[in-house]
Amino acid sequence: MTVDIPPLGLGCANLGNLYRPMTDEDAGAIVGAALDAGYTYFDTAPHYGVGLSEERLGRALAGRDRASYTLSTKVGRRLRDLAPGETEPACDFFDVPARARAWDLTRDGIRATLESSLERLGTDRVDIAFIHDPENHVQEVYDTGFAALAELKAEKMVGAIGFGMNFSDHLARFVTDLDVDVVMCASRWTMLERTAFDDLLPAAERRGTSVVVAGVYNTGLLADPRPGARYDYTAAPVELVSRAQRMAEVCARFDVPLKAAALRYPFAHPAVASVVVGASSPGSVRENAALARQDIPDGLWTALVEEGLLDRDLPLPSGP
């Protein structure tokens, strides 16, 4: 089914101390700024700071009308307390609670993971639950994971169900094979990356599956196209830095920031319902909200095609 999702969401990995620690007060200020800027969709996961993101988001949303916002979290990694002397890989999250992650896509594991998330979030339901990064657990998805999630949907603990990952080919397979409501695809449908256009998006359109796009900046390069910028979590290749810089130059001719174009571009495909963007400060929340409202002339997209920066067979956004 097509899921009604607000077009701009706050990705809450940063609330789990992604790349650098932040205080509880800073995390609350980010969520507060998002609410003030009109965000009504929030996405989190147990993986983000081993539960810290969910805890902080739950506190920041406490007392809000539950019907006034859309909330998604993820299953697949079950959390447990660390034993004395035990350590857990940082996974790019720092100063986090003493907990460990363990893959668990069994029926009981999926249920226990969601119940723990609901407790951290301070709610009795989430609007969307994604199976998180199951590329190395595909058979478990088919054997137990997705059926367990569908059971929770039938019990109305979850509104819509699907998958969230970076691998658009896996997402396309799941959408084709299973009764998937919504998927979150990270970094595979951007101004620099068309992979999802060739596999996931046609499948989603055929099946009526909604797509949430994350990683629209490709982890940094489309936000700040300079040597040393990250692309898919590592240093961007020189040729991609050059391409992103040329895109920025074309955008500048139309008085449009590259980041605004990167936020708008995924909506060129009709299967895309929403874009989720993270933020490390209240200022970046407000900036992304303003960029999402930016007027972008159709001529900008045409110019990018004519410059050879977007493939000619790709769809282009239209309208302001």
Protein backbone atom coordinates (compact mmCIF):
# COMPACT_ATOMS: atom_id res chain seq x y z
CA MET A 1 0.00 0.00 0.00
CA THR A 2 1.06 3.62 -0.45
CA VAL A 3 1.87 5.17 2.93
CA ASP A 4 1.10 8.77 3.83
CA ILE A 5 4.43 10.15 5.06
CA PRO A 6 5.37 13.82 5.50
CA PRO A 7 7.75 14.89 2.72
CA LEU A 8 10.57 16.02 5.03
CA GLY A 9 11.74 13.99 8.00
CA LEU A 10 14.42 14.36 10.66
CA GLY A 11 16.89 11.48 10.68
CA CYS A 12 17.84 11.00 14.31
CA ALA A 13 21.16 9.14 14.10
CA ASN A 14 22.91 12.27 15.38
CA LEU A 15 20.87 12.05 18.58
CA GLY A 16 22.78 8.82 19.25
CA ASN A 17 26.12 10.68 19.23
CA LEU A 18 26.99 9.86 15.63
CA TYR A 19 30.62 10.89 14.96
CA ARG A 20 30.71 13.11 18.05
CA PRO A 21 28.99 13.34 21.44
CA MET A 22 26.27 15.86 22.15
CA THR A 23 24.48 16.67 25.38
CA ASP A 24 20.90 15.72 26.16
CA GLU A 25 20.10 19.41 26.02
CA ASP A 26 21.56 19.73 22.51
CA ALA A 27 19.60 16.68 21.35
CA GLY A 28 16.38 18.12 22.74
CA ALA A 29 17.10 21.45 21.06
CA ILE A 30 17.49 19.71 17.69
CA VAL A 31 14.09 18.02 18.01
CA GLY A 32 12.55 21.24 19.29
CA ALA A 33 13.93 23.16 16.32
CA ALA A 34 12.52 20.53 13.99
CA LEU A 35 9.06 20.81 15.51
CA ASP A 36 9.23 24.61 15.31
CA ALA A 37 10.30 24.38 11.65
CA GLY A 38 7.32 22.21 10.77
CA TYR A 39 8.88 18.74 10.71
CA THR A 40 6.28 16.09 11.52
CA TYR A 41 8.28 12.94 10.69
CA PHE A 42 11.05 11.50 12.87
CA ASP A 43 13.12 8.40 12.09
CA THR A 44 15.31 6.57 14.59
CA ALA A 45 16.66 3.07 15.35
CA PRO A 46 18.02 1.02 18.25
CA HIS A 47 21.34 0.90 16.38
CA TYR A 48 21.76 4.68 16.75
CA GLY A 49 23.79 5.02 19.91
CA VAL A 50 22.58 1.62 21.18
CA GLY A 51 19.22 3.09 22.10
CA LEU A 52 20.36 6.60 23.02
CA SER A 53 18.71 8.18 19.97
CA GLU A 54 15.37 6.57 20.80
CA GLU A 55 15.60 7.64 24.45
CA ARG A 56 16.40 11.24 23.58
CA LEU A 57 13.74 11.41 20.88
CA GLY A 58 11.15 9.95 23.24
CA ARG A 59 11.93 12.55 25.89
CA ALA A 60 11.82 15.39 23.37
CA LEU A 61 8.43 14.30 22.03
CA ALA A 62 6.90 13.59 25.44
CA GLY A 63 3.61 15.40 25.95
CA ARG A 64 3.10 16.05 22.23
CA ASP A 65 -0.12 14.94 20.59
CA ARG A 66 0.81 11.50 19.24
CA ALA A 67 -1.36 12.06 16.18
CA SER A 68 0.60 15.21 15.28
CA TYR A 69 3.76 13.43 14.08
CA THR A 70 4.88 10.31 12.22
CA LEU A 71 7.43 8.07 13.94
CA SER A 72 9.54 5.29 12.49
CA THR A 73 12.10 3.00 14.07
CA LYS A 74 13.82 -0.23 13.08
CA VAL A 75 14.21 -3.86 14.08
CA GLY A 76 16.81 -6.54 13.43
CA ARG A 77 19.41 -5.54 16.00
CA ARG A 78 18.39 -6.46 19.52
CA LEU A 79 20.01 -4.60 22.44
CA ARG A 80 21.22 -6.02 25.74
CA ASP A 81 23.24 -4.68 28.65
CA LEU A 82 26.98 -5.25 28.50
CA ALA A 83 28.46 -7.74 30.93
CA PRO A 84 31.19 -6.47 33.30
CA GLY A 85 34.38 -5.92 31.33
CA GLU A 86 32.64 -6.43 27.98
CA THR A 87 33.02 -3.83 25.23
CA GLU A 88 31.01 -3.00 22.11
CA PRO A 89 32.35 -1.60 18.80
CA ALA A 90 31.65 2.13 18.51
CA CYS A 91 30.15 1.88 15.01
CA ASP A 92 30.74 5.66 14.73
CA PHE A 93 28.67 6.37 17.89
CA PHE A 94 30.48 7.72 20.93
CA ASP A 95 29.83 8.04 24.69
CA VAL A 96 26.83 5.74 24.53
CA PRO A 97 25.10 3.52 27.12
CA ALA A 98 26.76 0.24 28.11
CA ARG A 99 24.80 -1.94 25.72
CA ALA A 100 25.57 -4.43 22.97
CA ARG A 101 23.84 -5.09 19.65
CA ALA A 102 22.97 -8.60 18.50
CA TRP A 103 21.32 -9.58 15.23
CA ASP A 104 17.96 -11.23 15.91
CA LEU A 105 15.31 -11.68 13.23
CA THR A 106 13.42 -14.43 15.01
CA ARG A 107 9.76 -13.93 15.86
CA ASP A 108 10.56 -13.41 19.54
CA GLY A 109 13.54 -11.21 18.74
CA ILE A 110 11.60 -8.87 16.45
CA ARG A 111 8.84 -8.54 19.04
CA ALA A 112 11.23 -7.95 21.94
CA THR A 113 13.19 -5.38 19.94
CA LEU A 114 10.10 -3.38 19.06
CA GLU A 115 8.75 -3.56 22.61
CA SER A 116 12.05 -2.19 23.93
CA SER A 117 11.98 0.59 21.34
CA LEU A 118 8.46 1.54 22.35
CA GLU A 119 9.59 1.77 25.96
CA ARG A 120 12.54 4.01 25.08
CA LEU A 121 10.34 6.15 22.84
CA GLY A 122 7.59 6.42 25.45
CA THR A 123 4.80 5.35 23.13
CA ASP A 124 2.59 2.33 22.49
CA ARG A 125 3.02 2.25 18.70
CA VAL A 126 5.16 3.43 15.83
CA ASP A 127 3.81 4.45 12.46
CA ILE A 128 6.52 2.60 10.52
CA ALA A 129 8.93 -0.20 11.43
CA PHE A 130 11.80 -1.05 9.10
CA ILE A 131 13.95 -4.18 9.19
CA HIS A 132 17.35 -2.51 9.40
CA ASP A 133 20.29 -3.41 7.14
CA PRO A 134 19.47 -7.11 6.62
CA GLU A 135 21.75 -7.60 3.60
CA ASN A 136 23.67 -10.35 5.42
CA HIS A 137 20.51 -11.91 6.86
CA VAL A 138 18.31 -12.33 3.81
CA GLN A 139 17.24 -15.90 4.50
CA GLU A 140 16.25 -14.95 8.05
CA VAL A 141 14.07 -12.19 6.60
CA TYR A 142 12.20 -14.75 4.52
CA ASP A 143 12.12 -17.42 7.22
CA THR A 144 10.96 -15.39 10.22
CA GLY A 145 11.72 -11.65 10.18
CA PHE A 146 9.13 -10.24 7.83
CA ALA A 147 6.34 -12.52 9.03
CA ALA A 148 7.08 -11.42 12.61
CA LEU A 149 6.85 -7.79 11.59
CA ALA A 150 3.59 -8.41 9.72
CA GLU A 151 2.19 -9.99 12.89
CA LEU A 152 2.98 -6.84 14.85
CA LYS A 153 1.28 -4.79 12.17
CA ALA A 154 -1.83 -6.95 12.49
CA GLU A 155 -1.76 -6.24 16.24
CA LYS A 156 -1.56 -2.49 15.46
CA MET A 157 1.74 -2.04 17.32
CA VAL A 158 3.03 -0.86 13.91
CA GLY A 159 1.22 1.02 11.18
CA ALA A 160 3.34 0.17 8.13
CA ILE A 161 6.24 -2.22 7.62
CA GLY A 162 9.23 -2.52 5.35
CA PHE A 163 13.00 -2.36 5.10
CA GLY A 164 15.71 0.28 5.51
CA MET A 165 19.13 -0.18 3.93
CA ASN A 166 21.75 1.06 1.48
CA PHE A 167 21.36 -1.82 -0.97
CA SER A 168 18.69 -0.95 -3.51
CA ASP A 169 18.94 -4.34 -5.24
CA HIS A 170 17.99 -6.12 -2.01
CA LEU A 171 15.17 -3.64 -1.47
CA ALA A 172 13.89 -4.30 -4.99
CA ARG A 173 13.85 -8.05 -4.29
CA PHE A 174 11.98 -7.61 -1.00
CA VAL A 175 9.44 -5.27 -2.62
CA THR A 176 8.88 -7.76 -5.43
CA ASP A 177 8.58 -10.83 -3.21
CA LEU A 178 6.83 -9.54 -0.07
CA ASP A 179 3.87 -7.35 0.88
CA VAL A 180 6.04 -4.33 1.70
CA ASP A 181 4.36 -1.03 2.58
CA VAL A 182 7.38 1.26 2.59
CA VAL A 183 11.16 1.14 2.26
CA MET A 184 13.91 3.54 3.26
CA CYS A 185 16.71 3.66 0.69
CA ALA A 186 19.92 5.43 1.73
CA SER A 187 22.32 7.06 -0.75
CA ARG A 188 21.15 5.16 -3.86
CA TRP A 189 18.82 7.75 -5.38
CA THR A 190 20.63 11.08 -5.43
CA MET A 191 22.05 13.55 -7.90
CA LEU A 192 25.23 11.43 -7.92
CA GLU A 193 23.77 7.92 -7.65
CA ARG A 194 21.10 6.38 -9.89
CA THR A 195 21.25 2.74 -8.75
CA ALA A 196 17.77 2.75 -7.21
CA PHE A 197 16.31 4.14 -10.42
CA ASP A 198 17.42 1.01 -12.22
CA ASP A 199 16.16 -1.57 -9.71
CA LEU A 200 14.16 -0.42 -6.68
CA LEU A 201 12.06 2.46 -7.97
CA PRO A 202 10.44 0.58 -10.88
CA ALA A 203 9.55 -2.27 -8.51
CA ALA A 204 8.16 0.14 -5.92
CA GLU A 205 6.06 1.93 -8.54
CA ARG A 206 4.64 -1.38 -9.82
CA ARG A 207 3.77 -2.58 -6.33
CA GLY A 208 2.55 0.72 -4.92
CA THR A 209 5.29 0.72 -2.29
CA SER A 210 6.27 4.08 -0.83
CA VAL A 211 9.95 5.03 -0.81
CA VAL A 212 11.67 7.19 1.79
CA VAL A 213 15.03 8.47 0.59
CA ALA A 214 17.86 9.00 3.07
CA GLY A 215 21.46 10.01 2.44
CA VAL A 216 20.53 12.61 -0.17
CA TYR A 217 23.92 14.28 0.35
CA ASN A 218 25.76 10.94 -0.10
CA THR A 219 27.14 11.34 3.46
CA GLY A 220 28.60 14.76 2.72
CA LEU A 221 29.80 15.34 -0.82
CA LEU A 222 26.59 16.98 -2.05
CA ALA A 223 26.47 19.14 1.06
CA ASP A 224 30.03 20.44 0.72
CA PRO A 225 31.73 19.40 -2.54
CA ARG A 226 35.41 19.74 -1.69
CA PRO A 227 38.45 17.46 -1.67
CA GLY A 228 38.32 15.24 1.38
CA ALA A 229 34.52 15.27 1.61
CA ARG A 230 32.90 11.93 2.41
CA TYR A 231 31.02 9.89 -0.18
CA ASP A 232 29.35 6.77 1.18
CA TYR A 233 31.25 7.15 4.45
CA THR A 234 34.74 7.27 2.89
CA ALA A 235 36.82 9.94 1.16
CA ALA A 236 35.17 10.85 -2.15
CA PRO A 237 37.01 9.91 -5.36
CA VAL A 238 38.51 12.86 -7.24
CA GLU A 239 36.21 12.44 -10.24
CA LEU A 240 33.10 12.56 -8.03
CA VAL A 241 34.37 15.66 -6.23
CA SER A 242 34.81 17.32 -9.62
CA ARG A 243 31.33 16.31 -10.73
CA ALA A 244 29.73 17.61 -7.54
CA GLN A 245 31.63 20.89 -7.88
CA ARG A 246 30.38 21.30 -11.44
CA MET A 247 26.85 20.64 -10.22
CA ALA A 248 27.30 23.35 -7.60
CA GLU A 249 28.46 25.77 -10.30
CA VAL A 250 25.36 25.10 -12.41
CA CYS A 251 23.13 25.54 -9.38
CA ALA A 252 24.84 28.83 -8.54
CA ARG A 253 23.91 30.18 -11.99
CA PHE A 254 20.28 29.78 -10.93
CA ASP A 255 20.88 31.13 -7.39
CA VAL A 256 20.06 27.72 -5.93
CA PRO A 257 22.30 26.05 -3.32
CA LEU A 258 23.46 22.57 -4.31
CA LYS A 259 22.02 21.26 -1.05
CA ALA A 260 18.55 22.52 -2.02
CA ALA A 261 18.79 20.73 -5.35
CA ALA A 262 19.98 17.55 -3.64
CA LEU A 263 17.00 17.66 -1.27
CA ARG A 264 14.53 18.18 -4.11
CA TYR A 265 15.91 15.79 -6.69
CA PRO A 266 14.64 12.46 -5.25
CA PHE A 267 11.04 13.63 -5.68
CA ALA A 268 11.53 13.43 -9.44
CA HIS A 269 10.34 9.82 -9.17
CA PRO A 270 6.67 9.26 -8.29
CA ALA A 271 7.41 6.39 -5.90
CA VAL A 272 9.28 8.73 -3.54
CA ALA A 273 7.12 9.92 -0.64
CA SER A 274 9.66 11.51 1.69
CA VAL A 275 13.25 12.57 2.24
CA VAL A 276 14.90 12.14 5.64
CA VAL A 277 17.86 14.33 6.59
CA GLY A 278 19.95 14.31 9.74
CA ALA A 279 21.06 17.36 11.69
CA SER A 280 23.86 18.01 14.16
CA SER A 281 22.51 21.32 15.48
CA PRO A 282 19.29 23.37 15.59
CA GLY A 283 20.81 25.61 12.92
CA SER A 284 21.21 22.75 10.48
CA VAL A 285 17.60 21.73 11.12
CA ARG A 286 16.41 25.21 10.21
CA GLU A 287 18.72 25.32 7.20
CA ASN A 288 17.35 22.05 5.82
CA ALA A 289 13.78 23.21 6.34
CA ALA A 290 14.51 26.40 4.39
CA LEU A 291 16.33 24.50 1.65
CA ALA A 292 13.35 22.17 1.27
CA ARG A 293 11.15 25.20 0.55
CA GLN A 294 13.55 26.72 -1.98
CA ASP A 295 12.09 27.63 -5.37
CA ILE A 296 13.99 25.71 -8.04
CA PRO A 297 13.39 26.62 -11.68
CA ASP A 298 12.94 23.77 -14.15
CA GLY A 299 15.77 25.25 -16.19
CA LEU A 300 18.29 24.18 -13.54
CA TRP A 301 17.55 20.51 -14.12
CA THR A 302 17.69 20.95 -17.88
CA ALA A 303 21.06 22.67 -17.55
CA LEU A 304 22.42 19.79 -15.46
CA VAL A 305 21.38 17.38 -18.21
CA GLU A 306 22.88 19.54 -20.95
CA GLU A 307 26.16 19.74 -19.01
CA GLY A 308 26.25 15.94 -18.82
CA LEU A 309 25.85 15.96 -15.05
CA LEU A 310 22.53 14.09 -15.01
CA ASP A 311 21.79 11.22 -17.38
CA ARG A 312 19.26 12.01 -20.10
CA ASP A 313 17.00 9.07 -19.23
CA LEU A 314 16.49 10.18 -15.64
CA PRO A 315 13.26 11.88 -14.54
CA LEU A 316 13.53 15.52 -13.52
CA PRO A 317 11.63 17.40 -10.82
CA SER A 318 9.14 20.00 -11.94
CA GLY A 319 7.52 22.96 -10.27
CA PRO A 320 8.78 25.11 -7.39
